[in-house]
Amino acid sequence: MEKDLFEYIVKPLVDDPSAVSVNVVEGDASLVLELSVGPGDIGKVIGKHGRVAKALRALLQAASAKAGKRAVLEILD
């Protein structure tokens, strides 16, 4: 569910939506989402002073609280 949510949110933010990929690494009590975008779009996902990234992480925490797991968003280069 979180993977689809993040693809839906991030694709309109970037110039090349086809380069967006979300990889989910699931552990016992945690969930790691690895977000990778095109080389020119990394700044758009991070935002000024990290505001967009912070908002994405807040959404992830809210979505994963329902499952009772701790979730982490990693933005890959």
Protein backbone atom coordinates (compact mmCIF):
# COMPACT_ATOMS: atom_id res chain seq x y z
CA MET A 1 0.00 0.00 0.00
CA GLU A 2 2.76 2.47 0.92
CA LYS A 3 4.54 1.78 -2.36
CA ASP A 4 1.49 2.72 -4.44
CA LEU A 5 0.87 5.78 -2.30
CA PHE A 6 4.39 7.10 -2.80
CA GLU A 7 4.41 6.46 -6.52
CA TYR A 8 1.10 8.33 -6.75
CA ILE A 9 2.45 11.29 -4.74
CA VAL A 10 5.96 11.58 -6.22
CA LYS A 11 5.25 11.12 -9.93
CA PRO A 12 3.50 14.51 -10.38
CA LEU A 13 6.38 16.26 -8.58
CA VAL A 14 9.12 15.19 -11.01
CA ASP A 15 9.85 15.93 -14.68
CA ASP A 16 10.39 12.26 -15.60
CA PRO A 17 7.70 10.11 -13.91
CA SER A 18 8.92 6.97 -15.65
CA ALA A 19 12.20 7.15 -13.67
CA VAL A 20 10.44 6.99 -10.30
CA SER A 21 10.86 3.68 -8.53
CA VAL A 22 9.98 2.64 -5.01
CA ASN A 23 11.57 -0.44 -3.48
CA VAL A 24 10.14 -1.83 -0.24
CA VAL A 25 12.40 -3.65 2.23
CA GLU A 26 10.31 -5.20 4.96
CA GLY A 27 11.66 -6.42 8.28
CA ASP A 28 10.03 -7.80 11.41
CA ALA A 29 9.13 -4.50 13.02
CA SER A 30 10.19 -2.00 10.38
CA LEU A 31 9.59 -1.01 6.80
CA VAL A 32 12.10 0.81 4.58
CA LEU A 33 10.99 2.52 1.38
CA GLU A 34 13.82 3.29 -1.01
CA LEU A 35 12.79 6.06 -3.39
CA SER A 36 14.85 6.73 -6.49
CA VAL A 37 14.15 9.34 -9.14
CA GLY A 38 15.89 10.66 -12.23
CA PRO A 39 19.16 12.58 -11.87
CA GLY A 40 17.58 16.01 -12.38
CA ASP A 41 14.62 15.41 -10.09
CA ILE A 42 16.32 14.73 -6.76
CA GLY A 43 16.04 18.38 -5.73
CA LYS A 44 12.32 18.44 -6.43
CA VAL A 45 11.73 15.46 -4.15
CA ILE A 46 13.85 16.92 -1.35
CA GLY A 47 12.49 20.48 -1.71
CA LYS A 48 13.75 23.72 -0.21
CA HIS A 49 15.30 23.06 3.18
CA GLY A 50 14.00 19.48 2.98
CA ARG A 51 10.35 20.42 3.34
CA VAL A 52 8.99 18.04 0.70
CA ALA A 53 11.05 15.14 2.06
CA LYS A 54 9.87 15.91 5.59
CA ALA A 55 6.24 15.93 4.43
CA LEU A 56 6.73 12.62 2.60
CA ARG A 57 8.20 11.06 5.74
CA ALA A 58 5.26 12.33 7.83
CA LEU A 59 2.82 10.75 5.37
CA LEU A 60 4.73 7.49 5.50
CA GLN A 61 4.64 7.40 9.29
CA ALA A 62 0.90 8.04 9.30
CA ALA A 63 0.26 5.34 6.70
CA SER A 64 2.44 2.77 8.46
CA ALA A 65 1.00 3.42 11.92
CA LYS A 66 -2.08 1.52 10.86
CA ALA A 67 0.06 -1.58 10.26
CA GLY A 68 1.86 -1.11 13.58
CA LYS A 69 5.32 -0.91 12.00
CA ARG A 70 8.00 1.75 12.01
CA ALA A 71 8.62 3.14 8.54
CA VAL A 72 11.64 4.94 7.09
CA LEU A 73 11.94 6.73 3.77
CA GLU A 74 15.34 6.72 2.07
CA ILE A 75 15.83 8.94 -0.96
CA LEU A 76 18.54 7.39 -3.12
CA ASP A 77 20.84 9.22 -5.54
